[in-house]
PDB file of N, CA and C in Angstrom:
ATOM      1  N   MET A   1     111.583  11.241  25.852  1.00  0.00           N
ATOM      2  CA  MET A   1     111.828   9.984  26.545  1.00  0.00           C
ATOM      3  C   MET A   1     112.087   8.923  25.477  1.00  0.00           C
ATOM      4  N   GLY A   2     113.133   8.177  25.648  1.00  0.00           N
ATOM      5  CA  GLY A   2     113.485   7.168  24.670  1.00  0.00           C
ATOM      6  C   GLY A   2     112.601   5.936  24.761  1.00  0.00           C
ATOM      7  N   ILE A   3     112.623   5.162  23.701  1.00  0.00           N
ATOM      8  CA  ILE A   3     111.807   3.952  23.640  1.00  0.00           C
ATOM      9  C   ILE A   3     112.230   2.967  24.720  1.00  0.00           C
ATOM     10  N   LEU A   4     113.520   2.837  24.952  1.00  0.00           N
ATOM     11  CA  LEU A   4     114.002   1.909  25.975  1.00  0.00           C
ATOM     12  C   LEU A   4     113.476   2.303  27.353  1.00  0.00           C
ATOM     13  N   LYS A   5     113.540   3.601  27.672  1.00  0.00           N
ATOM     14  CA  LYS A   5     113.031   4.082  28.957  1.00  0.00           C
ATOM     15  C   LYS A   5     111.544   3.767  29.094  1.00  0.00           C
ATOM     16  N   LEU A   6     110.791   3.982  28.005  1.00  0.00           N
ATOM     17  CA  LEU A   6     109.357   3.738  28.016  1.00  0.00           C
ATOM     18  C   LEU A   6     109.059   2.258  28.236  1.00  0.00           C
ATOM     19  N   ARG A   7     109.819   1.389  27.582  1.00  0.00           N
ATOM     20  CA  ARG A   7     109.633  -0.059  27.770  1.00  0.00           C
ATOM     21  C   ARG A   7     109.903  -0.471  29.209  1.00  0.00           C
ATOM     22  N   ILE A   8     110.946   0.103  29.799  1.00  0.00           N
ATOM     23  CA  ILE A   8     111.281  -0.220  31.186  1.00  0.00           C
ATOM     24  C   ILE A   8     110.156   0.229  32.107  1.00  0.00           C
ATOM     25  N   ILE A   9     109.612   1.415  31.869  1.00  0.00           N
ATOM     26  CA  ILE A   9     108.507   1.916  32.694  1.00  0.00           C
ATOM     27  C   ILE A   9     107.295   1.009  32.566  1.00  0.00           C
ATOM     28  N   ILE A  10     106.971   0.612  31.340  1.00  0.00           N
ATOM     29  CA  ILE A  10     105.819  -0.271  31.123  1.00  0.00           C
ATOM     30  C   ILE A  10     106.049  -1.610  31.801  1.00  0.00           C
ATOM     31  N   LEU A  11     107.240  -2.165  31.670  1.00  0.00           N
ATOM     32  CA  LEU A  11     107.545  -3.448  32.298  1.00  0.00           C
ATOM     33  C   LEU A  11     107.443  -3.350  33.817  1.00  0.00           C
ATOM     34  N   LEU A  12     108.015  -2.291  34.392  1.00  0.00           N
ATOM     35  CA  LEU A  12     107.959  -2.132  35.844  1.00  0.00           C
ATOM     36  C   LEU A  12     106.534  -1.923  36.331  1.00  0.00           C
ATOM     37  N   SER A  13     105.729  -1.178  35.577  1.00  0.00           N
ATOM     38  CA  SER A  13     104.348  -0.988  36.005  1.00  0.00           C
ATOM     39  C   SER A  13     103.572  -2.286  35.879  1.00  0.00           C
ATOM     40  N   SER A  14     103.905  -3.118  34.894  1.00  0.00           N
ATOM     41  CA  SER A  14     103.253  -4.420  34.778  1.00  0.00           C
ATOM     42  C   SER A  14     103.636  -5.321  35.934  1.00  0.00           C
ATOM     43  N   VAL A  15     104.908  -5.304  36.309  1.00  0.00           N
ATOM     44  CA  VAL A  15     105.371  -6.107  37.442  1.00  0.00           C
ATOM     45  C   VAL A  15     104.693  -5.634  38.720  1.00  0.00           C
ATOM     46  N   ALA A  16     104.565  -4.314  38.887  1.00  0.00           N
ATOM     47  CA  ALA A  16     103.883  -3.776  40.071  1.00  0.00           C
ATOM     48  C   ALA A  16     102.435  -4.214  40.083  1.00  0.00           C
ATOM     49  N   PHE A  17     101.790  -4.219  38.919  1.00  0.00           N
ATOM     50  CA  PHE A  17     100.399  -4.665  38.836  1.00  0.00           C
ATOM     51  C   PHE A  17     100.281  -6.129  39.236  1.00  0.00           C
ATOM     52  N   ILE A  18     101.215  -6.945  38.786  1.00  0.00           N
ATOM     53  CA  ILE A  18     101.183  -8.369  39.118  1.00  0.00           C
ATOM     54  C   ILE A  18     101.329  -8.560  40.619  1.00  0.00           C
ATOM     55  N   SER A  19     102.282  -7.875  41.226  1.00  0.00           N
ATOM     56  CA  SER A  19     102.555  -8.120  42.631  1.00  0.00           C
ATOM     57  C   SER A  19     101.495  -7.513  43.546  1.00  0.00           C
ATOM     58  N   VAL A  20     100.808  -6.471  43.101  1.00  0.00           N
ATOM     59  CA  VAL A  20      99.806  -5.850  43.949  1.00  0.00           C
ATOM     60  C   VAL A  20      98.419  -6.373  43.608  1.00  0.00           C
ATOM     61  N   GLY A  21      98.180  -6.579  42.328  1.00  0.00           N
ATOM     62  CA  GLY A  21      96.836  -6.871  41.847  1.00  0.00           C
ATOM     63  C   GLY A  21      96.390  -8.294  42.101  1.00  0.00           C
ATOM     64  N   CYS A  22      95.770  -8.852  41.117  1.00  0.00           N
ATOM     65  CA  CYS A  22      95.077 -10.130  41.194  1.00  0.00           C
ATOM     66  C   CYS A  22      95.948 -11.184  41.864  1.00  0.00           C
ATOM     67  N   GLY A  23      95.484 -11.684  42.982  1.00  0.00           N
ATOM     68  CA  GLY A  23      96.276 -12.331  43.977  1.00  0.00           C
ATOM     69  C   GLY A  23      96.868 -13.703  43.791  1.00  0.00           C
ATOM     70  N   THR A  24      96.273 -14.618  43.067  1.00  0.00           N
ATOM     71  CA  THR A  24      96.744 -15.998  43.177  1.00  0.00           C
ATOM     72  C   THR A  24      98.101 -16.197  42.502  1.00  0.00           C
ATOM     73  N   PRO A  25      98.896 -17.104  43.043  1.00  0.00           N
ATOM     74  CA  PRO A  25     100.188 -17.411  42.412  1.00  0.00           C
ATOM     75  C   PRO A  25     100.015 -17.943  40.987  1.00  0.00           C
ATOM     76  N   GLU A  26      98.935 -18.677  40.751  1.00  0.00           N
ATOM     77  CA  GLU A  26      98.678 -19.221  39.411  1.00  0.00           C
ATOM     78  C   GLU A  26      98.469 -18.083  38.409  1.00  0.00           C
ATOM     79  N   TYR A  27      97.730 -17.054  38.846  1.00  0.00           N
ATOM     80  CA  TYR A  27      97.488 -15.909  37.971  1.00  0.00           C
ATOM     81  C   TYR A  27      98.800 -15.194  37.667  1.00  0.00           C
ATOM     82  N   LYS A  28      99.595 -14.973  38.693  1.00  0.00           N
ATOM     83  CA  LYS A  28     100.872 -14.280  38.509  1.00  0.00           C
ATOM     84  C   LYS A  28     101.787 -15.047  37.560  1.00  0.00           C
ATOM     85  N   ALA A  29     101.822 -16.365  37.712  1.00  0.00           N
ATOM     86  CA  ALA A  29     102.661 -17.202  36.842  1.00  0.00           C
ATOM     87  C   ALA A  29     102.155 -17.145  35.403  1.00  0.00           C
ATOM     88  N   SER A  30     100.844 -17.246  35.230  1.00  0.00           N
ATOM     89  CA  SER A  30     100.270 -17.183  33.882  1.00  0.00           C
ATOM     90  C   SER A  30     100.534 -15.828  33.245  1.00  0.00           C
ATOM     91  N   TYR A  31     100.362 -14.765  34.019  1.00  0.00           N
ATOM     92  CA  TYR A  31     100.583 -13.414  33.513  1.00  0.00           C
ATOM     93  C   TYR A  31     102.033 -13.237  33.059  1.00  0.00           C
ATOM     94  N   ALA A  32     102.973 -13.685  33.874  1.00  0.00           N
ATOM     95  CA  ALA A  32     104.390 -13.539  33.530  1.00  0.00           C
ATOM     96  C   ALA A  32     104.732 -14.309  32.258  1.00  0.00           C
ATOM     97  N   THR A  33     104.222 -15.535  32.151  1.00  0.00           N
ATOM     98  CA  THR A  33     104.473 -16.351  30.959  1.00  0.00           C
ATOM     99  C   THR A  33     103.863 -15.699  29.723  1.00  0.00           C
ATOM    100  N   CYS A  34     102.618 -15.242  29.871  1.00  0.00           N
ATOM    101  CA  CYS A  34     101.931 -14.636  28.732  1.00  0.00           C
ATOM    102  C   CYS A  34     102.564 -13.315  28.325  1.00  0.00           C
ATOM    103  N   TYR A  35     103.069 -12.570  29.279  1.00  0.00           N
ATOM    104  CA  TYR A  35     103.723 -11.298  28.963  1.00  0.00           C
ATOM    105  C   TYR A  35     104.954 -11.545  28.091  1.00  0.00           C
ATOM    106  N   THR A  36     105.712 -12.578  28.423  1.00  0.00           N
ATOM    107  CA  THR A  36     106.887 -12.924  27.633  1.00  0.00           C
ATOM    108  C   THR A  36     106.472 -13.349  26.224  1.00  0.00           C
ATOM    109  N   GLU A  37     105.419 -14.187  26.134  1.00  0.00           N
ATOM    110  CA  GLU A  37     104.914 -14.620  24.825  1.00  0.00           C
ATOM    111  C   GLU A  37     104.453 -13.418  24.001  1.00  0.00           C
ATOM    112  N   MET A  38     103.738 -12.512  24.659  1.00  0.00           N
ATOM    113  CA  MET A  38     103.218 -11.336  23.975  1.00  0.00           C
ATOM    114  C   MET A  38     104.366 -10.494  23.409  1.00  0.00           C
ATOM    115  N   ASP A  39     105.409 -10.303  24.190  1.00  0.00           N
ATOM    116  CA  ASP A  39     106.545  -9.502  23.728  1.00  0.00           C
ATOM    117  C   ASP A  39     107.211 -10.121  22.505  1.00  0.00           C
ATOM    118  N   LYS A  40     107.228 -11.461  22.437  1.00  0.00           N
ATOM    119  CA  LYS A  40     107.835 -12.133  21.282  1.00  0.00           C
ATOM    120  C   LYS A  40     106.931 -12.072  20.060  1.00  0.00           C
ATOM    121  N   LYS A  41     105.610 -12.316  20.257  1.00  0.00           N
ATOM    122  CA  LYS A  41     104.680 -12.380  19.133  1.00  0.00           C
ATOM    123  C   LYS A  41     104.232 -11.004  18.650  1.00  0.00           C
ATOM    124  N   ILE A  42     104.057 -10.081  19.586  1.00  0.00           N
ATOM    125  CA  ILE A  42     103.579  -8.753  19.225  1.00  0.00           C
ATOM    126  C   ILE A  42     104.500  -7.713  19.858  1.00  0.00           C
ATOM    127  N   PRO A  43     105.625  -7.442  19.226  1.00  0.00           N
ATOM    128  CA  PRO A  43     106.538  -6.449  19.801  1.00  0.00           C
ATOM    129  C   PRO A  43     105.865  -5.078  19.854  1.00  0.00           C
ATOM    130  N   ALA A  44     106.221  -4.318  20.854  1.00  0.00           N
ATOM    131  CA  ALA A  44     105.663  -2.980  20.998  1.00  0.00           C
ATOM    132  C   ALA A  44     106.104  -2.102  19.827  1.00  0.00           C
ATOM    133  N   VAL A  45     105.159  -1.369  19.271  1.00  0.00           N
ATOM    134  CA  VAL A  45     105.443  -0.450  18.163  1.00  0.00           C
ATOM    135  C   VAL A  45     105.161   0.963  18.666  1.00  0.00           C
ATOM    136  N   TYR A  46     106.163   1.810  18.579  1.00  0.00           N
ATOM    137  CA  TYR A  46     106.047   3.183  19.050  1.00  0.00           C
ATOM    138  C   TYR A  46     106.127   4.143  17.873  1.00  0.00           C
ATOM    139  N   GLU A  47     105.426   5.243  18.001  1.00  0.00           N
ATOM    140  CA  GLU A  47     105.584   6.322  17.034  1.00  0.00           C
ATOM    141  C   GLU A  47     105.520   7.648  17.788  1.00  0.00           C
ATOM    142  N   LYS A  48     106.153   8.628  17.208  1.00  0.00           N
ATOM    143  CA  LYS A  48     106.140   9.967  17.813  1.00  0.00           C
ATOM    144  C   LYS A  48     104.803  10.625  17.486  1.00  0.00           C
ATOM    145  N   GLN A  49     104.158  11.159  18.510  1.00  0.00           N
ATOM    146  CA  GLN A  49     102.916  11.889  18.316  1.00  0.00           C
ATOM    147  C   GLN A  49     102.997  13.197  19.087  1.00  0.00           C
ATOM    148  N   GLN A  50     102.400  14.200  18.501  1.00  0.00           N
ATOM    149  CA  GLN A  50     102.389  15.497  19.178  1.00  0.00           C
ATOM    150  C   GLN A  50     101.219  15.539  20.156  1.00  0.00           C
ATOM    151  N   LYS A  51     101.521  15.849  21.389  1.00  0.00           N
ATOM    152  CA  LYS A  51     100.521  15.996  22.446  1.00  0.00           C
ATOM    153  C   LYS A  51     100.659  17.401  23.010  1.00  0.00           C
ATOM    154  N   ASN A  52      99.608  17.882  23.615  1.00  0.00           N
ATOM    155  CA  ASN A  52      99.683  19.179  24.283  1.00  0.00           C
ATOM    156  C   ASN A  52      99.750  18.960  25.783  1.00  0.00           C
ATOM    157  N   GLU A  53     100.656  19.656  26.429  1.00  0.00           N
ATOM    158  CA  GLU A  53     100.789  19.588  27.882  1.00  0.00           C
ATOM    159  C   GLU A  53     100.495  20.958  28.464  1.00  0.00           C
ATOM    160  N   THR A  54      99.763  20.951  29.572  1.00  0.00           N
ATOM    161  CA  THR A  54      99.499  22.198  30.277  1.00  0.00           C
ATOM    162  C   THR A  54     100.574  22.388  31.329  1.00  0.00           C
ATOM    163  N   ARG A  55     101.139  23.569  31.337  1.00  0.00           N
ATOM    164  CA  ARG A  55     102.169  23.891  32.322  1.00  0.00           C
ATOM    165  C   ARG A  55     101.747  25.158  33.047  1.00  0.00           C
ATOM    166  N   SER A  56     102.385  25.400  34.156  1.00  0.00           N
ATOM    167  CA  SER A  56     102.048  26.604  34.916  1.00  0.00           C
ATOM    168  C   SER A  56     103.311  27.322  35.342  1.00  0.00           C
ATOM    169  N   MET A  57     103.137  28.612  35.628  1.00  0.00           N
ATOM    170  CA  MET A  57     104.244  29.404  36.149  1.00  0.00           C
ATOM    171  C   MET A  57     103.668  30.541  36.990  1.00  0.00           C
ATOM    172  N   SER A  58     104.433  30.971  37.929  1.00  0.00           N
ATOM    173  CA  SER A  58     104.021  32.059  38.796  1.00  0.00           C
ATOM    174  C   SER A  58     104.413  33.380  38.143  1.00  0.00           C
ATOM    175  N   VAL A  59     103.443  34.296  38.051  1.00  0.00           N
ATOM    176  CA  VAL A  59     103.723  35.601  37.454  1.00  0.00           C
ATOM    177  C   VAL A  59     103.350  36.699  38.443  1.00  0.00           C
ATOM    178  N   PRO A  60     104.144  37.750  38.504  1.00  0.00           N
ATOM    179  CA  PRO A  60     103.836  38.848  39.429  1.00  0.00           C
ATOM    180  C   PRO A  60     102.560  39.574  39.004  1.00  0.00           C
ATOM    181  N   SER A  61     101.794  40.002  39.982  1.00  0.00           N
ATOM    182  CA  SER A  61     100.599  40.792  39.698  1.00  0.00           C
ATOM    183  C   SER A  61     100.460  41.858  40.773  1.00  0.00           C
ATOM    184  N   ALA A  62      99.433  42.688  40.653  1.00  0.00           N
ATOM    185  CA  ALA A  62      99.212  43.764  41.626  1.00  0.00           C
ATOM    186  C   ALA A  62      98.955  43.206  43.023  1.00  0.00           C
ATOM    187  N   ASN A  63      98.401  42.003  43.120  1.00  0.00           N
ATOM    188  CA  ASN A  63      98.076  41.376  44.416  1.00  0.00           C
ATOM    189  C   ASN A  63      99.152  40.405  44.895  1.00  0.00           C
ATOM    190  N   GLY A  64     100.295  40.446  44.374  1.00  0.00           N
ATOM    191  CA  GLY A  64     101.350  39.493  44.745  1.00  0.00           C
ATOM    192  C   GLY A  64     101.770  38.702  43.528  1.00  0.00           C
ATOM    193  N   SER A  65     101.366  37.442  43.493  1.00  0.00           N
ATOM    194  CA  SER A  65     101.650  36.644  42.299  1.00  0.00           C
ATOM    195  C   SER A  65     100.468  35.727  42.014  1.00  0.00           C
ATOM    196  N   GLU A  66     100.296  35.427  40.757  1.00  0.00           N
ATOM    197  CA  GLU A  66      99.229  34.541  40.314  1.00  0.00           C
ATOM    198  C   GLU A  66      99.853  33.417  39.502  1.00  0.00           C
ATOM    199  N   ILE A  67      99.097  32.353  39.368  1.00  0.00           N
ATOM    200  CA  ILE A  67      99.577  31.228  38.564  1.00  0.00           C
ATOM    201  C   ILE A  67      98.975  31.354  37.170  1.00  0.00           C
ATOM    202  N   ALA A  68      99.824  31.350  36.178  1.00  0.00           N
ATOM    203  CA  ALA A  68      99.386  31.403  34.787  1.00  0.00           C
ATOM    204  C   ALA A  68      99.563  30.019  34.174  1.00  0.00           C
ATOM    205  N   TYR A  69      98.574  29.585  33.417  1.00  0.00           N
ATOM    206  CA  TYR A  69      98.624  28.291  32.748  1.00  0.00           C
ATOM    207  C   TYR A  69      98.788  28.504  31.259  1.00  0.00           C
ATOM    208  N   TYR A  70      99.590  27.679  30.638  1.00  0.00           N
ATOM    209  CA  TYR A  70      99.782  27.742  29.200  1.00  0.00           C
ATOM    210  C   TYR A  70      99.985  26.336  28.662  1.00  0.00           C
ATOM    211  N   THR A  71      99.718  26.178  27.391  1.00  0.00           N
ATOM    212  CA  THR A  71      99.822  24.866  26.750  1.00  0.00           C
ATOM    213  C   THR A  71     100.986  24.886  25.772  1.00  0.00           C
ATOM    214  N   VAL A  72     101.767  23.809  25.810  1.00  0.00           N
ATOM    215  CA  VAL A  72     102.891  23.690  24.889  1.00  0.00           C
ATOM    216  C   VAL A  72     102.795  22.353  24.145  1.00  0.00           C
ATOM    217  N   PRO A  73     103.130  22.361  22.861  1.00  0.00           N
ATOM    218  CA  PRO A  73     103.149  21.082  22.126  1.00  0.00           C
ATOM    219  C   PRO A  73     104.400  20.288  22.508  1.00  0.00           C
ATOM    220  N   VAL A  74     104.221  18.990  22.707  1.00  0.00           N
ATOM    221  CA  VAL A  74     105.325  18.116  23.104  1.00  0.00           C
ATOM    222  C   VAL A  74     105.257  16.846  22.251  1.00  0.00           C
ATOM    223  N   MET A  75     106.403  16.407  21.778  1.00  0.00           N
ATOM    224  CA  MET A  75     106.460  15.144  21.039  1.00  0.00           C
ATOM    225  C   MET A  75     106.672  14.007  22.044  1.00  0.00           C
ATOM    226  N   LYS A  76     105.829  12.980  21.945  1.00  0.00           N
ATOM    227  CA  LYS A  76     105.930  11.847  22.860  1.00  0.00           C
ATOM    228  C   LYS A  76     105.950  10.546  22.073  1.00  0.00           C
ATOM    229  N   ASP A  77     106.644   9.549  22.639  1.00  0.00           N
ATOM    230  CA  ASP A  77     106.604   8.205  22.068  1.00  0.00           C
ATOM    231  C   ASP A  77     105.336   7.535  22.581  1.00  0.00           C
ATOM    232  N   VAL A  78     104.491   7.075  21.656  1.00  0.00           N
ATOM    233  CA  VAL A  78     103.226   6.458  22.022  1.00  0.00           C
ATOM    234  C   VAL A  78     103.194   5.049  21.440  1.00  0.00           C
ATOM    235  N   MET A  79     102.808   4.065  22.278  1.00  0.00           N
ATOM    236  CA  MET A  79     102.684   2.689  21.790  1.00  0.00           C
ATOM    237  C   MET A  79     101.380   2.599  21.002  1.00  0.00           C
ATOM    238  N   VAL A  80     101.492   2.294  19.711  1.00  0.00           N
ATOM    239  CA  VAL A  80     100.317   2.302  18.850  1.00  0.00           C
ATOM    240  C   VAL A  80      99.576   0.966  18.834  1.00  0.00           C
ATOM    241  N   ASN A  81     100.201  -0.092  19.309  1.00  0.00           N
ATOM    242  CA  ASN A  81      99.534  -1.396  19.307  1.00  0.00           C
ATOM    243  C   ASN A  81      99.243  -1.885  20.733  1.00  0.00           C
ATOM    244  N   ASN A  82      99.046  -0.970  21.642  1.00  0.00           N
ATOM    245  CA  ASN A  82      98.810  -1.318  23.042  1.00  0.00           C
ATOM    246  C   ASN A  82      97.537  -2.137  23.220  1.00  0.00           C
ATOM    247  N   LYS A  83      96.464  -1.765  22.519  1.00  0.00           N
ATOM    248  CA  LYS A  83      95.187  -2.484  22.647  1.00  0.00           C
ATOM    249  C   LYS A  83      95.333  -3.937  22.183  1.00  0.00           C
ATOM    250  N   GLU A  84      96.003  -4.126  21.073  1.00  0.00           N
ATOM    251  CA  GLU A  84      96.228  -5.478  20.539  1.00  0.00           C
ATOM    252  C   GLU A  84      97.046  -6.314  21.531  1.00  0.00           C
ATOM    253  N   ARG A  85      98.072  -5.709  22.117  1.00  0.00           N
ATOM    254  CA  ARG A  85      98.914  -6.419  23.083  1.00  0.00           C
ATOM    255  C   ARG A  85      98.106  -6.791  24.335  1.00  0.00           C
ATOM    256  N   ASN A  86      97.307  -5.849  24.842  1.00  0.00           N
ATOM    257  CA  ASN A  86      96.496  -6.141  26.027  1.00  0.00           C
ATOM    258  C   ASN A  86      95.478  -7.237  25.767  1.00  0.00           C
ATOM    259  N   ASN A  87      94.838  -7.193  24.591  1.00  0.00           N
ATOM    260  CA  ASN A  87      93.871  -8.244  24.242  1.00  0.00           C
ATOM    261  C   ASN A  87      94.543  -9.612  24.216  1.00  0.00           C
ATOM    262  N   PHE A  88      95.716  -9.681  23.613  1.00  0.00           N
ATOM    263  CA  PHE A  88      96.463 -10.942  23.561  1.00  0.00           C
ATOM    264  C   PHE A  88      96.796 -11.418  24.970  1.00  0.00           C
ATOM    265  N   LEU A  89      97.291 -10.501  25.801  1.00  0.00           N
ATOM    266  CA  LEU A  89      97.715 -10.839  27.159  1.00  0.00           C
ATOM    267  C   LEU A  89      96.558 -11.399  27.980  1.00  0.00           C
ATOM    268  N   HIS A  90      95.419 -10.728  27.966  1.00  0.00           N
ATOM    269  CA  HIS A  90      94.288 -11.177  28.775  1.00  0.00           C
ATOM    270  C   HIS A  90      93.705 -12.492  28.260  1.00  0.00           C
ATOM    271  N   ALA A  91      93.644 -12.669  26.938  1.00  0.00           N
ATOM    272  CA  ALA A  91      93.155 -13.925  26.367  1.00  0.00           C
ATOM    273  C   ALA A  91      94.097 -15.078  26.721  1.00  0.00           C
ATOM    274  N   CYS A  92      95.385 -14.815  26.677  1.00  0.00           N
ATOM    275  CA  CYS A  92      96.391 -15.830  26.997  1.00  0.00           C
ATOM    276  C   CYS A  92      96.283 -16.262  28.461  1.00  0.00           C
ATOM    277  N   VAL A  93      96.174 -15.291  29.370  1.00  0.00           N
ATOM    278  CA  VAL A  93      96.057 -15.616  30.801  1.00  0.00           C
ATOM    279  C   VAL A  93      94.799 -16.426  31.048  1.00  0.00           C
ATOM    280  N   LYS A  94      93.694 -16.000  30.466  1.00  0.00           N
ATOM    281  CA  LYS A  94      92.420 -16.718  30.638  1.00  0.00           C
ATOM    282  C   LYS A  94      92.545 -18.157  30.143  1.00  0.00           C
ATOM    283  N   LYS A  95      93.162 -18.323  28.981  1.00  0.00           N
ATOM    284  CA  LYS A  95      93.339 -19.654  28.378  1.00  0.00           C
ATOM    285  C   LYS A  95      94.190 -20.551  29.291  1.00  0.00           C
ATOM    286  N   LYS A  96      95.288 -20.007  29.814  1.00  0.00           N
ATOM    287  CA  LYS A  96      96.171 -20.794  30.680  1.00  0.00           C
ATOM    288  C   LYS A  96      95.469 -21.180  31.982  1.00  0.00           C
ATOM    289  N   CYS A  97      94.698 -20.274  32.549  1.00  0.00           N
ATOM    290  CA  CYS A  97      93.992 -20.564  33.789  1.00  0.00           C
ATOM    291  C   CYS A  97      92.925 -21.638  33.564  1.00  0.00           C
ATOM    292  N   LEU A  98      92.175 -21.507  32.477  1.00  0.00           N
ATOM    293  CA  LEU A  98      91.135 -22.498  32.176  1.00  0.00           C
ATOM    294  C   LEU A  98      91.756 -23.870  31.898  1.00  0.00           C
ATOM    295  N   LYS A  99      92.931 -23.862  31.261  1.00  0.00           N
ATOM    296  CA  LYS A  99      93.639 -25.105  30.966  1.00  0.00           C
ATOM    297  C   LYS A  99      94.042 -25.826  32.256  1.00  0.00           C
ATOM    298  N   ARG A 100      94.318 -25.046  33.305  1.00  0.00           N
ATOM    299  CA  ARG A 100      94.679 -25.629  34.601  1.00  0.00           C
ATOM    300  C   ARG A 100      93.455 -26.069  35.407  1.00  0.00           C
ATOM    301  N   GLY A 101      92.281 -25.879  34.834  1.00  0.00           N
ATOM    302  CA  GLY A 101      91.060 -26.277  35.523  1.00  0.00           C
ATOM    303  C   GLY A 101      90.571 -25.233  36.528  1.00  0.00           C
ATOM    304  N   LEU A 102      91.035 -24.019  36.380  1.00  0.00           N
ATOM    305  CA  LEU A 102      90.621 -22.930  37.267  1.00  0.00           C
ATOM    306  C   LEU A 102      89.703 -21.986  36.503  1.00  0.00           C
ATOM    307  N   LYS A 103      89.111 -21.025  37.205  1.00  0.00           N
ATOM    308  CA  LYS A 103      88.312 -20.007  36.545  1.00  0.00           C
ATOM    309  C   LYS A 103      89.234 -19.122  35.710  1.00  0.00           C
ATOM    310  N   ALA A 104      88.629 -18.260  34.894  1.00  0.00           N
ATOM    311  CA  ALA A 104      89.412 -17.403  33.996  1.00  0.00           C
ATOM    312  C   ALA A 104      90.371 -16.486  34.751  1.00  0.00           C
ATOM    313  N   ASN A 105      90.070 -16.161  36.002  1.00  0.00           N
ATOM    314  CA  ASN A 105      90.965 -15.311  36.785  1.00  0.00           C
ATOM    315  C   ASN A 105      91.885 -16.135  37.681  1.00  0.00           C
ATOM    316  N   CYS A 106      91.976 -17.441  37.425  1.00  0.00           N
ATOM    317  CA  CYS A 106      92.847 -18.376  38.134  1.00  0.00           C
ATOM    318  C   CYS A 106      92.448 -18.615  39.593  1.00  0.00           C
ATOM    319  N   LYS A 107      91.194 -18.407  39.898  1.00  0.00           N
ATOM    320  CA  LYS A 107      90.713 -18.747  41.235  1.00  0.00           C
ATOM    321  C   LYS A 107      89.898 -20.017  41.126  1.00  0.00           C
ATOM    322  N   GLN A 108      89.812 -20.739  42.218  1.00  0.00           N
ATOM    323  CA  GLN A 108      89.095 -22.028  42.181  1.00  0.00           C
ATOM    324  C   GLN A 108      87.608 -21.864  42.254  1.00  0.00           C
TER     325      GLN A 108
END
């Protein structure tokens, strides 16, 4: 999976989290603003890492067929600075909400 595809997936999942999750419009606005700031200040850094994936296949046996499981090594793009980005994002949202005179989660 390419880095661009991974970024799009992360962005879409973040947008889905915003629209489904924490409800207030103020929170959503702060989150969107902070996400943009985070992308500029702390760009996502990816590196290839080897992960193991379990796969299965049906194999014939005396009783019909059975499912056999096996593990294969797979190279994946992994965001190595995800924790730093999340910390920045949550601190930024909290700061913006408090600045507006609301609680840290943008509720009154």
